[in-house]
Amino acid sequence: MQKIVIHRPGGFNRLKVESFPDPIPEDEQIVVKTKAIGVNYADCVIRMGFYASAKEYVGWPITPGFDFSGIVEEVGKNISNFKPGDRVFGVSRFDAYATHVVVPSHQLFKLPEHRTYEEAGAFATIYLTAYYALYMSVKLYPDSTVLIHSAAGGVGCALLQLSKLAGWKTIGVVGQSDKVKIAEEMGARHPTQRIGHDILNIIEKNLEADSN
């Protein structure tokens, strides 16, 4: 197998392709041959040496990557819900920038036939992050209004879509005027480029408009 390895922090030139022995799954693990991997901002932070968890749990050298899609190649002896040949996507704690990824079964999901590997490879990290923020970190009520910063980014778009599905009103803040349309298409009821203290005025005006 091959992995992208970073031996010390720096620019893109720190990314090196290296060869390793093919992985062997433990009893509760699954080996996936990757078809697509997600590239997140967190991966860039890892490469620059600023990601605290990467330093704590792995150190150098490190292979970045949190989400992926592919085909099950081998399963551990205690695995019954997946089999070789299954189309899957999942999340890992680092190590996804590789031709093969090894994860426990609870970090893996079957890929619906109507979804592509590319779609699935960019799905898990941002949508699980957004889901955790909306449903597990705070208590929102049916008529809540959600203020979402960086609303045209990956997690921002996921927050907008999940909020729309839940029936919450959203105010999406973006950094550039050309991103307002993206936020609106993703479900922002009140997309805006304004930042800083102007946000308070925008929230107040939009809440007044919603109540009238």
N, C-alpha and C. Protein backbone atom coordinates (compact mmCIF):
# COMPACT_ATOMS: atom_id res chain seq x y z
N MET A 1 0.83 -1.19 0.00
CA MET A 1 0.00 0.00 0.00
C MET A 1 0.87 1.25 0.00
N GLN A 2 0.27 2.40 -0.34
CA GLN A 2 0.97 3.67 -0.31
C GLN A 2 0.22 4.69 0.55
N LYS A 3 0.98 5.55 1.19
CA LYS A 3 0.40 6.61 2.01
C LYS A 3 1.14 7.91 1.74
N ILE A 4 0.45 9.01 1.96
CA ILE A 4 1.10 10.32 1.95
C ILE A 4 1.57 10.61 3.37
N VAL A 5 2.84 10.86 3.52
CA VAL A 5 3.43 11.01 4.85
C VAL A 5 4.07 12.40 4.98
N ILE A 6 3.89 13.00 6.16
CA ILE A 6 4.53 14.27 6.48
C ILE A 6 5.51 14.01 7.63
N HIS A 7 6.78 14.30 7.42
CA HIS A 7 7.79 14.03 8.44
C HIS A 7 8.04 15.23 9.35
N ARG A 8 7.78 16.41 8.86
CA ARG A 8 7.90 17.61 9.70
C ARG A 8 7.08 18.72 9.09
N PRO A 9 6.67 19.72 9.89
CA PRO A 9 5.74 20.74 9.40
C PRO A 9 6.33 21.61 8.31
N GLY A 10 5.44 22.14 7.48
CA GLY A 10 5.88 23.01 6.41
C GLY A 10 4.86 23.15 5.31
N GLY A 11 5.33 23.44 4.09
CA GLY A 11 4.45 23.65 2.94
C GLY A 11 4.05 22.35 2.27
N PHE A 12 3.47 22.49 1.06
CA PHE A 12 2.99 21.32 0.34
C PHE A 12 4.12 20.36 -0.02
N ASN A 13 5.33 20.87 -0.10
CA ASN A 13 6.45 20.00 -0.44
C ASN A 13 6.77 18.98 0.65
N ARG A 14 6.13 19.11 1.82
CA ARG A 14 6.32 18.13 2.90
C ARG A 14 5.52 16.85 2.66
N LEU A 15 4.58 16.87 1.71
CA LEU A 15 3.76 15.69 1.43
C LEU A 15 4.56 14.71 0.58
N LYS A 16 4.82 13.53 1.12
CA LYS A 16 5.63 12.53 0.42
C LYS A 16 4.85 11.22 0.31
N VAL A 17 4.88 10.63 -0.89
CA VAL A 17 4.26 9.31 -1.10
C VAL A 17 5.26 8.23 -0.72
N GLU A 18 4.86 7.35 0.20
CA GLU A 18 5.74 6.29 0.65
C GLU A 18 5.01 4.95 0.64
N SER A 19 5.77 3.88 0.51
CA SER A 19 5.20 2.53 0.47
C SER A 19 5.30 1.85 1.83
N PHE A 20 4.28 1.03 2.13
CA PHE A 20 4.21 0.30 3.40
C PHE A 20 3.65 -1.09 3.14
N PRO A 21 3.83 -2.02 4.09
CA PRO A 21 3.22 -3.34 3.96
C PRO A 21 1.69 -3.23 3.92
N ASP A 22 1.05 -4.11 3.18
CA ASP A 22 -0.41 -4.10 3.16
C ASP A 22 -0.98 -4.33 4.56
N PRO A 23 -2.03 -3.60 4.95
CA PRO A 23 -2.57 -3.72 6.30
C PRO A 23 -3.31 -5.03 6.52
N ILE A 24 -3.28 -5.52 7.74
CA ILE A 24 -4.02 -6.71 8.15
C ILE A 24 -5.00 -6.30 9.25
N PRO A 25 -6.29 -6.53 9.07
CA PRO A 25 -7.26 -6.07 10.07
C PRO A 25 -7.23 -6.91 11.34
N GLU A 26 -7.45 -6.23 12.47
CA GLU A 26 -7.67 -6.96 13.72
C GLU A 26 -9.11 -7.48 13.73
N ASP A 27 -9.49 -8.18 14.79
CA ASP A 27 -10.78 -8.87 14.80
C ASP A 27 -11.98 -7.96 14.55
N GLU A 28 -11.92 -6.70 15.03
CA GLU A 28 -13.05 -5.77 14.92
C GLU A 28 -12.81 -4.71 13.85
N GLN A 29 -11.86 -4.92 12.99
CA GLN A 29 -11.49 -3.90 12.00
C GLN A 29 -11.83 -4.32 10.57
N ILE A 30 -11.81 -3.31 9.70
CA ILE A 30 -12.10 -3.51 8.28
C ILE A 30 -11.04 -2.78 7.45
N VAL A 31 -10.56 -3.41 6.41
CA VAL A 31 -9.63 -2.78 5.49
C VAL A 31 -10.41 -2.31 4.26
N VAL A 32 -10.28 -1.02 3.95
CA VAL A 32 -10.96 -0.45 2.79
C VAL A 32 -9.93 0.02 1.77
N LYS A 33 -10.11 -0.40 0.51
CA LYS A 33 -9.29 0.13 -0.57
C LYS A 33 -9.95 1.43 -1.03
N THR A 34 -9.27 2.54 -0.86
CA THR A 34 -9.89 3.84 -1.08
C THR A 34 -10.08 4.16 -2.56
N LYS A 35 -11.20 4.82 -2.83
CA LYS A 35 -11.50 5.36 -4.14
C LYS A 35 -11.42 6.88 -4.15
N ALA A 36 -11.77 7.50 -3.02
CA ALA A 36 -11.71 8.96 -2.89
C ALA A 36 -11.46 9.29 -1.43
N ILE A 37 -10.79 10.42 -1.21
CA ILE A 37 -10.57 10.89 0.16
C ILE A 37 -10.94 12.36 0.26
N GLY A 38 -11.39 12.79 1.42
CA GLY A 38 -11.73 14.19 1.62
C GLY A 38 -10.49 14.99 2.00
N VAL A 39 -10.43 16.20 1.51
CA VAL A 39 -9.36 17.13 1.88
C VAL A 39 -9.99 18.27 2.66
N ASN A 40 -9.70 18.35 3.95
CA ASN A 40 -10.28 19.35 4.83
C ASN A 40 -9.23 20.37 5.27
N TYR A 41 -9.71 21.51 5.73
CA TYR A 41 -8.79 22.53 6.23
C TYR A 41 -7.95 21.98 7.38
N ALA A 42 -8.54 21.11 8.17
CA ALA A 42 -7.80 20.51 9.29
C ALA A 42 -6.56 19.77 8.81
N ASP A 43 -6.62 19.19 7.62
CA ASP A 43 -5.45 18.50 7.07
C ASP A 43 -4.31 19.49 6.81
N CYS A 44 -4.67 20.69 6.35
CA CYS A 44 -3.66 21.72 6.12
C CYS A 44 -3.04 22.16 7.44
N VAL A 45 -3.86 22.26 8.48
CA VAL A 45 -3.36 22.65 9.80
C VAL A 45 -2.42 21.59 10.35
N ILE A 46 -2.75 20.32 10.10
CA ILE A 46 -1.86 19.23 10.50
C ILE A 46 -0.51 19.39 9.81
N ARG A 47 -0.54 19.64 8.50
CA ARG A 47 0.71 19.78 7.75
C ARG A 47 1.55 20.94 8.27
N MET A 48 0.89 22.02 8.69
CA MET A 48 1.62 23.18 9.20
C MET A 48 2.11 22.99 10.63
N GLY A 49 1.65 21.91 11.29
CA GLY A 49 2.11 21.61 12.63
C GLY A 49 1.33 22.27 13.74
N PHE A 50 0.11 22.75 13.44
CA PHE A 50 -0.67 23.49 14.43
C PHE A 50 -1.83 22.70 15.02
N TYR A 51 -2.01 21.44 14.62
CA TYR A 51 -3.15 20.65 15.06
C TYR A 51 -2.79 19.91 16.34
N ALA A 52 -3.39 20.34 17.45
CA ALA A 52 -3.00 19.83 18.77
C ALA A 52 -3.20 18.32 18.90
N SER A 53 -4.34 17.80 18.41
CA SER A 53 -4.61 16.37 18.54
C SER A 53 -3.61 15.53 17.75
N ALA A 54 -3.17 16.05 16.60
CA ALA A 54 -2.18 15.33 15.80
C ALA A 54 -0.88 15.18 16.58
N LYS A 55 -0.49 16.24 17.27
CA LYS A 55 0.74 16.18 18.07
C LYS A 55 0.57 15.21 19.24
N GLU A 56 -0.61 15.24 19.86
CA GLU A 56 -0.85 14.42 21.06
C GLU A 56 -0.97 12.94 20.75
N TYR A 57 -1.72 12.60 19.67
CA TYR A 57 -2.04 11.19 19.41
C TYR A 57 -1.10 10.51 18.41
N VAL A 58 -0.42 11.31 17.57
CA VAL A 58 0.41 10.70 16.54
C VAL A 58 1.84 11.22 16.57
N GLY A 59 2.01 12.53 16.43
CA GLY A 59 3.35 13.09 16.31
C GLY A 59 3.86 12.98 14.89
N TRP A 60 5.18 13.09 14.72
CA TRP A 60 5.78 12.98 13.39
C TRP A 60 6.50 11.64 13.25
N PRO A 61 6.45 10.99 12.12
CA PRO A 61 5.71 11.37 10.90
C PRO A 61 4.21 11.10 11.06
N ILE A 62 3.41 11.70 10.16
CA ILE A 62 1.96 11.53 10.24
C ILE A 62 1.37 11.49 8.83
N THR A 63 0.32 10.70 8.69
CA THR A 63 -0.48 10.68 7.47
C THR A 63 -1.80 11.37 7.77
N PRO A 64 -2.11 12.49 7.11
CA PRO A 64 -3.37 13.19 7.40
C PRO A 64 -4.56 12.50 6.77
N GLY A 65 -5.75 13.07 6.98
CA GLY A 65 -6.96 12.55 6.36
C GLY A 65 -7.95 11.99 7.35
N PHE A 66 -9.20 12.47 7.24
CA PHE A 66 -10.25 12.05 8.18
C PHE A 66 -11.41 11.31 7.52
N ASP A 67 -11.63 11.52 6.22
CA ASP A 67 -12.76 10.82 5.60
C ASP A 67 -12.38 10.26 4.24
N PHE A 68 -13.12 9.22 3.83
CA PHE A 68 -12.74 8.45 2.65
C PHE A 68 -13.94 7.65 2.16
N SER A 69 -13.82 7.13 0.96
CA SER A 69 -14.78 6.16 0.43
C SER A 69 -14.01 5.11 -0.35
N GLY A 70 -14.63 3.96 -0.53
CA GLY A 70 -13.94 2.91 -1.25
C GLY A 70 -14.67 1.58 -1.19
N ILE A 71 -13.91 0.51 -1.36
CA ILE A 71 -14.46 -0.84 -1.40
C ILE A 71 -13.82 -1.68 -0.28
N VAL A 72 -14.65 -2.41 0.45
CA VAL A 72 -14.14 -3.28 1.51
C VAL A 72 -13.26 -4.37 0.87
N GLU A 73 -12.04 -4.46 1.37
CA GLU A 73 -11.11 -5.46 0.83
C GLU A 73 -10.95 -6.66 1.76
N GLU A 74 -10.98 -6.42 3.06
CA GLU A 74 -10.81 -7.51 4.02
C GLU A 74 -11.47 -7.14 5.34
N VAL A 75 -12.05 -8.11 6.03
CA VAL A 75 -12.70 -7.84 7.31
C VAL A 75 -12.11 -8.73 8.40
N GLY A 76 -12.15 -8.22 9.65
CA GLY A 76 -11.73 -9.02 10.79
C GLY A 76 -12.70 -10.15 11.07
N LYS A 77 -12.28 -11.13 11.86
CA LYS A 77 -13.08 -12.34 12.05
C LYS A 77 -14.37 -12.09 12.82
N ASN A 78 -14.48 -10.97 13.54
CA ASN A 78 -15.70 -10.67 14.30
C ASN A 78 -16.65 -9.73 13.55
N ILE A 79 -16.37 -9.44 12.30
CA ILE A 79 -17.20 -8.53 11.52
C ILE A 79 -18.25 -9.32 10.74
N SER A 80 -19.52 -8.95 10.93
CA SER A 80 -20.60 -9.64 10.22
C SER A 80 -21.46 -8.69 9.38
N ASN A 81 -21.36 -7.37 9.63
CA ASN A 81 -22.22 -6.42 8.93
C ASN A 81 -21.59 -5.84 7.66
N PHE A 82 -20.34 -6.22 7.37
CA PHE A 82 -19.69 -5.82 6.12
C PHE A 82 -18.99 -7.03 5.54
N LYS A 83 -18.82 -7.00 4.22
CA LYS A 83 -18.13 -8.10 3.54
C LYS A 83 -17.27 -7.53 2.42
N PRO A 84 -16.25 -8.26 1.98
CA PRO A 84 -15.44 -7.80 0.87
C PRO A 84 -16.29 -7.48 -0.35
N GLY A 85 -16.01 -6.35 -0.98
CA GLY A 85 -16.76 -5.93 -2.15
C GLY A 85 -17.80 -4.86 -1.87
N ASP A 86 -18.14 -4.65 -0.60
CA ASP A 86 -19.13 -3.62 -0.24
C ASP A 86 -18.60 -2.22 -0.57
N ARG A 87 -19.47 -1.39 -1.15
CA ARG A 87 -19.14 0.02 -1.35
C ARG A 87 -19.41 0.76 -0.04
N VAL A 88 -18.42 1.51 0.44
CA VAL A 88 -18.54 2.11 1.76
C VAL A 88 -17.93 3.52 1.79
N PHE A 89 -18.25 4.24 2.85
CA PHE A 89 -17.55 5.48 3.17
C PHE A 89 -17.43 5.55 4.68
N GLY A 90 -16.50 6.36 5.16
CA GLY A 90 -16.32 6.40 6.60
C GLY A 90 -15.38 7.50 7.05
N VAL A 91 -15.07 7.44 8.35
CA VAL A 91 -14.17 8.43 8.96
C VAL A 91 -13.06 7.69 9.70
N SER A 92 -11.92 8.36 9.79
CA SER A 92 -10.79 7.81 10.52
C SER A 92 -10.16 8.91 11.36
N ARG A 93 -9.37 8.52 12.33
CA ARG A 93 -8.60 9.52 13.08
C ARG A 93 -7.21 9.58 12.45
N PHE A 94 -7.09 10.44 11.40
CA PHE A 94 -5.90 10.54 10.57
C PHE A 94 -5.80 9.29 9.67
N ASP A 95 -4.75 9.25 8.83
CA ASP A 95 -4.39 8.09 8.00
C ASP A 95 -5.25 7.85 6.76
N ALA A 96 -6.15 8.79 6.39
CA ALA A 96 -6.99 8.54 5.22
C ALA A 96 -6.30 8.84 3.89
N TYR A 97 -5.19 9.58 3.91
CA TYR A 97 -4.46 9.86 2.66
C TYR A 97 -3.65 8.62 2.29
N ALA A 98 -4.34 7.59 1.87
CA ALA A 98 -3.68 6.31 1.62
C ALA A 98 -4.49 5.47 0.65
N THR A 99 -3.84 4.49 0.04
CA THR A 99 -4.55 3.58 -0.85
C THR A 99 -5.42 2.60 -0.07
N HIS A 100 -5.10 2.39 1.21
CA HIS A 100 -5.88 1.50 2.07
C HIS A 100 -6.03 2.15 3.45
N VAL A 101 -7.23 2.01 4.02
CA VAL A 101 -7.51 2.55 5.35
C VAL A 101 -8.07 1.42 6.22
N VAL A 102 -7.63 1.38 7.47
CA VAL A 102 -8.11 0.38 8.42
C VAL A 102 -8.89 1.10 9.53
N VAL A 103 -10.16 0.72 9.71
CA VAL A 103 -11.00 1.35 10.74
C VAL A 103 -11.87 0.31 11.42
N PRO A 104 -12.33 0.58 12.65
CA PRO A 104 -13.33 -0.29 13.28
C PRO A 104 -14.66 -0.15 12.54
N SER A 105 -15.50 -1.15 12.64
CA SER A 105 -16.73 -1.19 11.84
C SER A 105 -17.68 -0.04 12.15
N HIS A 106 -17.68 0.49 13.38
CA HIS A 106 -18.63 1.56 13.72
C HIS A 106 -18.26 2.89 13.07
N GLN A 107 -17.11 2.97 12.42
CA GLN A 107 -16.71 4.19 11.72
C GLN A 107 -16.94 4.08 10.21
N LEU A 108 -17.68 3.07 9.82
CA LEU A 108 -17.89 2.79 8.40
C LEU A 108 -19.38 2.70 8.10
N PHE A 109 -19.77 3.18 6.89
CA PHE A 109 -21.16 3.19 6.47
C PHE A 109 -21.26 2.66 5.04
N LYS A 110 -22.34 1.98 4.74
CA LYS A 110 -22.52 1.49 3.38
C LYS A 110 -22.93 2.64 2.46
N LEU A 111 -22.37 2.65 1.27
CA LEU A 111 -22.59 3.73 0.32
C LEU A 111 -23.80 3.40 -0.56
N PRO A 112 -24.83 4.27 -0.53
CA PRO A 112 -25.99 4.03 -1.40
C PRO A 112 -25.59 3.99 -2.87
N GLU A 113 -26.30 3.18 -3.65
CA GLU A 113 -25.95 2.99 -5.05
C GLU A 113 -26.01 4.28 -5.86
N HIS A 114 -26.89 5.20 -5.48
CA HIS A 114 -27.05 6.43 -6.26
C HIS A 114 -26.02 7.51 -5.89
N ARG A 115 -25.10 7.20 -4.98
CA ARG A 115 -24.07 8.16 -4.60
C ARG A 115 -22.71 7.72 -5.12
N THR A 116 -21.90 8.70 -5.54
CA THR A 116 -20.58 8.39 -6.08
C THR A 116 -19.54 8.32 -4.97
N TYR A 117 -18.41 7.74 -5.29
CA TYR A 117 -17.30 7.69 -4.34
C TYR A 117 -16.82 9.11 -4.01
N GLU A 118 -16.81 9.97 -5.02
CA GLU A 118 -16.34 11.33 -4.80
C GLU A 118 -17.25 12.09 -3.85
N GLU A 119 -18.56 11.94 -4.00
CA GLU A 119 -19.50 12.59 -3.09
C GLU A 119 -19.30 12.09 -1.66
N ALA A 120 -19.19 10.78 -1.52
CA ALA A 120 -19.06 10.19 -0.19
C ALA A 120 -17.73 10.52 0.46
N GLY A 121 -16.69 10.64 -0.35
CA GLY A 121 -15.37 10.93 0.19
C GLY A 121 -15.27 12.31 0.80
N ALA A 122 -16.18 13.20 0.44
CA ALA A 122 -16.18 14.56 0.98
C ALA A 122 -17.33 14.82 1.93
N PHE A 123 -17.99 13.76 2.37
CA PHE A 123 -19.24 13.93 3.15
C PHE A 123 -19.07 13.82 4.66
N ALA A 124 -18.43 12.78 5.13
CA ALA A 124 -18.54 12.39 6.53
C ALA A 124 -18.03 13.44 7.52
N THR A 125 -16.84 13.96 7.31
CA THR A 125 -16.25 14.86 8.31
C THR A 125 -17.07 16.12 8.49
N ILE A 126 -17.44 16.78 7.38
CA ILE A 126 -18.15 18.05 7.53
C ILE A 126 -19.57 17.85 8.05
N TYR A 127 -20.25 16.82 7.61
CA TYR A 127 -21.64 16.64 8.05
C TYR A 127 -21.73 16.10 9.48
N LEU A 128 -20.81 15.26 9.87
CA LEU A 128 -20.79 14.81 11.27
C LEU A 128 -20.44 15.98 12.20
N THR A 129 -19.53 16.85 11.75
CA THR A 129 -19.18 18.04 12.53
C THR A 129 -20.39 18.94 12.68
N ALA A 130 -21.10 19.18 11.58
CA ALA A 130 -22.29 20.03 11.61
C ALA A 130 -23.39 19.40 12.47
N TYR A 131 -23.59 18.11 12.33
CA TYR A 131 -24.62 17.42 13.12
C TYR A 131 -24.32 17.52 14.61
N TYR A 132 -23.06 17.31 14.97
CA TYR A 132 -22.68 17.40 16.38
C TYR A 132 -22.93 18.80 16.92
N ALA A 133 -22.60 19.82 16.13
CA ALA A 133 -22.78 21.20 16.57
C ALA A 133 -24.25 21.53 16.80
N LEU A 134 -25.12 21.07 15.90
CA LEU A 134 -26.54 21.44 15.96
C LEU A 134 -27.35 20.58 16.93
N TYR A 135 -27.05 19.31 16.99
CA TYR A 135 -27.91 18.38 17.72
C TYR A 135 -27.34 17.88 19.05
N MET A 136 -26.04 18.04 19.26
CA MET A 136 -25.45 17.49 20.46
C MET A 136 -24.76 18.53 21.35
N SER A 137 -24.43 19.68 20.78
CA SER A 137 -23.73 20.71 21.56
C SER A 137 -24.65 21.77 22.13
N VAL A 138 -25.81 21.98 21.51
CA VAL A 138 -26.75 23.02 21.95
C VAL A 138 -28.17 22.47 21.92
N LYS A 139 -29.08 23.22 22.53
CA LYS A 139 -30.50 22.87 22.51
C LYS A 139 -31.23 23.92 21.69
N LEU A 140 -31.74 23.50 20.53
CA LEU A 140 -32.47 24.41 19.66
C LEU A 140 -33.95 24.04 19.65
N TYR A 141 -34.79 25.06 19.53
CA TYR A 141 -36.24 24.87 19.55
C TYR A 141 -36.82 25.11 18.16
N PRO A 142 -38.07 24.72 17.92
CA PRO A 142 -38.63 24.79 16.57
C PRO A 142 -38.50 26.14 15.87
N ASP A 143 -38.60 27.23 16.60
CA ASP A 143 -38.55 28.56 15.98
C ASP A 143 -37.18 29.22 16.13
N SER A 144 -36.15 28.44 16.37
CA SER A 144 -34.82 29.01 16.58
C SER A 144 -34.27 29.66 15.31
N THR A 145 -33.42 30.65 15.52
CA THR A 145 -32.66 31.25 14.42
C THR A 145 -31.18 30.94 14.65
N VAL A 146 -30.53 30.40 13.63
CA VAL A 146 -29.14 29.96 13.75
C VAL A 146 -28.23 30.90 12.96
N LEU A 147 -27.24 31.47 13.64
CA LEU A 147 -26.24 32.32 12.98
C LEU A 147 -25.04 31.45 12.60
N ILE A 148 -24.73 31.41 11.31
CA ILE A 148 -23.69 30.51 10.81
C ILE A 148 -22.59 31.34 10.14
N HIS A 149 -21.40 31.31 10.70
CA HIS A 149 -20.25 31.97 10.10
C HIS A 149 -19.62 31.06 9.04
N SER A 150 -18.88 31.64 8.11
CA SER A 150 -18.27 30.88 7.00
C SER A 150 -19.32 29.99 6.35
N ALA A 151 -20.46 30.58 6.04
CA ALA A 151 -21.62 29.81 5.60
C ALA A 151 -21.46 29.19 4.22
N ALA A 152 -20.49 29.63 3.44
CA ALA A 152 -20.28 29.05 2.12
C ALA A 152 -19.19 27.98 2.12
N GLY A 153 -18.60 27.72 3.27
CA GLY A 153 -17.60 26.66 3.39
C GLY A 153 -18.24 25.30 3.57
N GLY A 154 -17.43 24.28 3.73
CA GLY A 154 -17.96 22.92 3.84
C GLY A 154 -18.88 22.73 5.02
N VAL A 155 -18.39 22.97 6.23
CA VAL A 155 -19.22 22.81 7.43
C VAL A 155 -20.35 23.82 7.43
N GLY A 156 -20.09 25.04 6.95
CA GLY A 156 -21.13 26.05 6.88
C GLY A 156 -22.29 25.62 6.01
N CYS A 157 -22.01 25.08 4.83
CA CYS A 157 -23.07 24.59 3.95
C CYS A 157 -23.84 23.44 4.60
N ALA A 158 -23.13 22.56 5.29
CA ALA A 158 -23.79 21.45 5.97
C ALA A 158 -24.70 21.96 7.08
N LEU A 159 -24.24 22.97 7.83
CA LEU A 159 -25.07 23.57 8.89
C LEU A 159 -26.33 24.20 8.30
N LEU A 160 -26.18 24.87 7.17
CA LEU A 160 -27.34 25.48 6.52
C LEU A 160 -28.35 24.43 6.08
N GLN A 161 -27.88 23.36 5.47
CA GLN A 161 -28.78 22.32 4.98
C GLN A 161 -29.49 21.60 6.12
N LEU A 162 -28.74 21.26 7.18
CA LEU A 162 -29.35 20.57 8.32
C LEU A 162 -30.32 21.48 9.05
N SER A 163 -30.01 22.76 9.15
CA SER A 163 -30.92 23.71 9.79
C SER A 163 -32.21 23.84 8.99
N LYS A 164 -32.08 23.88 7.68
CA LYS A 164 -33.26 23.97 6.82
C LYS A 164 -34.15 22.75 6.98
N LEU A 165 -33.54 21.57 7.03
CA LEU A 165 -34.31 20.34 7.22
C LEU A 165 -35.06 20.34 8.54
N ALA A 166 -34.45 20.96 9.57
CA ALA A 166 -35.07 21.00 10.90
C ALA A 166 -36.10 22.12 11.03
N GLY A 167 -36.17 23.00 10.02
CA GLY A 167 -37.13 24.10 10.07
C GLY A 167 -36.65 25.33 10.79
N TRP A 168 -35.34 25.43 11.08
CA TRP A 168 -34.80 26.61 11.76
C TRP A 168 -34.47 27.69 10.76
N LYS A 169 -34.67 28.94 11.16
CA LYS A 169 -34.27 30.08 10.33
C LYS A 169 -32.76 30.25 10.43
N THR A 170 -32.13 30.72 9.36
CA THR A 170 -30.68 30.82 9.35
C THR A 170 -30.23 32.18 8.85
N ILE A 171 -29.17 32.69 9.45
CA ILE A 171 -28.45 33.86 8.95
C ILE A 171 -27.05 33.38 8.62
N GLY A 172 -26.69 33.43 7.34
CA GLY A 172 -25.39 32.94 6.91
C GLY A 172 -24.43 34.09 6.64
N VAL A 173 -23.27 34.07 7.28
CA VAL A 173 -22.26 35.11 7.10
C VAL A 173 -21.12 34.58 6.25
N VAL A 174 -20.76 35.32 5.20
CA VAL A 174 -19.67 34.92 4.32
C VAL A 174 -18.65 36.04 4.23
N GLY A 175 -17.46 35.72 3.74
CA GLY A 175 -16.38 36.70 3.69
C GLY A 175 -16.26 37.47 2.40
N GLN A 176 -16.91 36.98 1.33
CA GLN A 176 -16.83 37.64 0.03
C GLN A 176 -18.22 37.71 -0.59
N SER A 177 -18.46 38.76 -1.36
CA SER A 177 -19.79 38.98 -1.92
C SER A 177 -20.22 37.86 -2.87
N ASP A 178 -19.26 37.25 -3.59
CA ASP A 178 -19.63 36.19 -4.52
C ASP A 178 -20.06 34.91 -3.83
N LYS A 179 -19.86 34.83 -2.51
CA LYS A 179 -20.27 33.64 -1.76
C LYS A 179 -21.69 33.76 -1.20
N VAL A 180 -22.28 34.95 -1.29
CA VAL A 180 -23.64 35.15 -0.78
C VAL A 180 -24.61 34.21 -1.51
N LYS A 181 -24.47 34.10 -2.83
CA LYS A 181 -25.35 33.24 -3.62
C LYS A 181 -25.22 31.78 -3.21
N ILE A 182 -23.99 31.33 -2.91
CA ILE A 182 -23.78 29.95 -2.47
C ILE A 182 -24.52 29.68 -1.17
N ALA A 183 -24.37 30.60 -0.22
CA ALA A 183 -25.06 30.44 1.07
C ALA A 183 -26.57 30.42 0.89
N GLU A 184 -27.06 31.25 -0.01
CA GLU A 184 -28.50 31.29 -0.26
C GLU A 184 -28.99 29.99 -0.87
N GLU A 185 -28.23 29.46 -1.81
CA GLU A 185 -28.60 28.19 -2.44
C GLU A 185 -28.59 27.03 -1.45
N MET A 186 -27.74 27.11 -0.44
CA MET A 186 -27.64 26.06 0.57
C MET A 186 -28.70 26.18 1.67
N GLY A 187 -29.48 27.26 1.63
CA GLY A 187 -30.57 27.36 2.59
C GLY A 187 -30.55 28.55 3.51
N ALA A 188 -29.56 29.45 3.35
CA ALA A 188 -29.51 30.64 4.22
C ALA A 188 -30.71 31.52 3.92
N ARG A 189 -31.50 31.80 4.94
CA ARG A 189 -32.67 32.65 4.76
C ARG A 189 -32.25 34.11 4.64
N HIS A 190 -31.19 34.47 5.35
CA HIS A 190 -30.70 35.85 5.32
C HIS A 190 -29.18 35.84 5.12
N PRO A 191 -28.68 35.55 3.91
CA PRO A 191 -27.23 35.56 3.69
C PRO A 191 -26.69 36.98 3.68
N THR A 192 -25.50 37.18 4.22
CA THR A 192 -24.91 38.50 4.26
C THR A 192 -23.39 38.42 4.27
N GLN A 193 -22.76 39.44 3.76
CA GLN A 193 -21.30 39.52 3.79
C GLN A 193 -20.83 40.33 4.98
N ARG A 194 -21.74 40.96 5.71
CA ARG A 194 -21.36 41.83 6.81
C ARG A 194 -20.70 41.04 7.94
N ILE A 195 -19.77 41.69 8.64
CA ILE A 195 -19.12 41.06 9.78
C ILE A 195 -19.03 42.07 10.92
N GLY A 196 -18.55 41.63 12.07
CA GLY A 196 -18.34 42.53 13.19
C GLY A 196 -19.64 42.99 13.81
N HIS A 197 -19.66 44.25 14.29
CA HIS A 197 -20.83 44.77 15.00
C HIS A 197 -22.05 44.89 14.10
N ASP A 198 -21.84 44.96 12.77
CA ASP A 198 -22.98 45.03 11.86
C ASP A 198 -23.88 43.82 11.98
N ILE A 199 -23.31 42.68 12.42
CA ILE A 199 -24.10 41.46 12.56
C ILE A 199 -25.28 41.67 13.50
N LEU A 200 -25.08 42.38 14.60
CA LEU A 200 -26.15 42.61 15.57
C LEU A 200 -27.32 43.33 14.93
N ASN A 201 -27.02 44.33 14.10
CA ASN A 201 -28.09 45.06 13.43
C ASN A 201 -28.81 44.18 12.42
N ILE A 202 -28.04 43.34 11.71
CA ILE A 202 -28.65 42.45 10.72
C ILE A 202 -29.57 41.44 11.40
N ILE A 203 -29.12 40.85 12.50
CA ILE A 203 -29.94 39.89 13.23
C ILE A 203 -31.23 40.55 13.70
N GLU A 204 -31.10 41.73 14.28
CA GLU A 204 -32.26 42.43 14.81
C GLU A 204 -33.28 42.72 13.71
N LYS A 205 -32.82 43.23 12.56
CA LYS A 205 -33.73 43.55 11.46
C LYS A 205 -34.40 42.31 10.90
N ASN A 206 -33.63 41.21 10.76
CA ASN A 206 -34.19 39.99 10.21
C ASN A 206 -35.20 39.32 11.14
N LEU A 207 -34.92 39.39 12.44
CA LEU A 207 -35.86 38.82 13.41
C LEU A 207 -37.15 39.64 13.42
N GLU A 208 -37.03 40.96 13.29
CA GLU A 208 -38.22 41.80 13.22
C GLU A 208 -39.04 41.48 11.97
N ALA A 209 -38.35 41.29 10.83
CA ALA A 209 -39.04 40.95 9.60
C ALA A 209 -39.74 39.62 9.69
N ASP A 210 -39.11 38.64 10.35
CA ASP A 210 -39.73 37.32 10.49
C ASP A 210 -40.97 37.35 11.37
N SER A 211 -40.97 38.26 12.33
CA SER A 211 -42.09 38.31 13.28
C SER A 211 -43.29 39.08 12.73
N ASN A 212 -43.07 39.87 11.66
CA ASN A 212 -44.16 40.68 11.08
C ASN A 212 -44.94 39.90 10.02
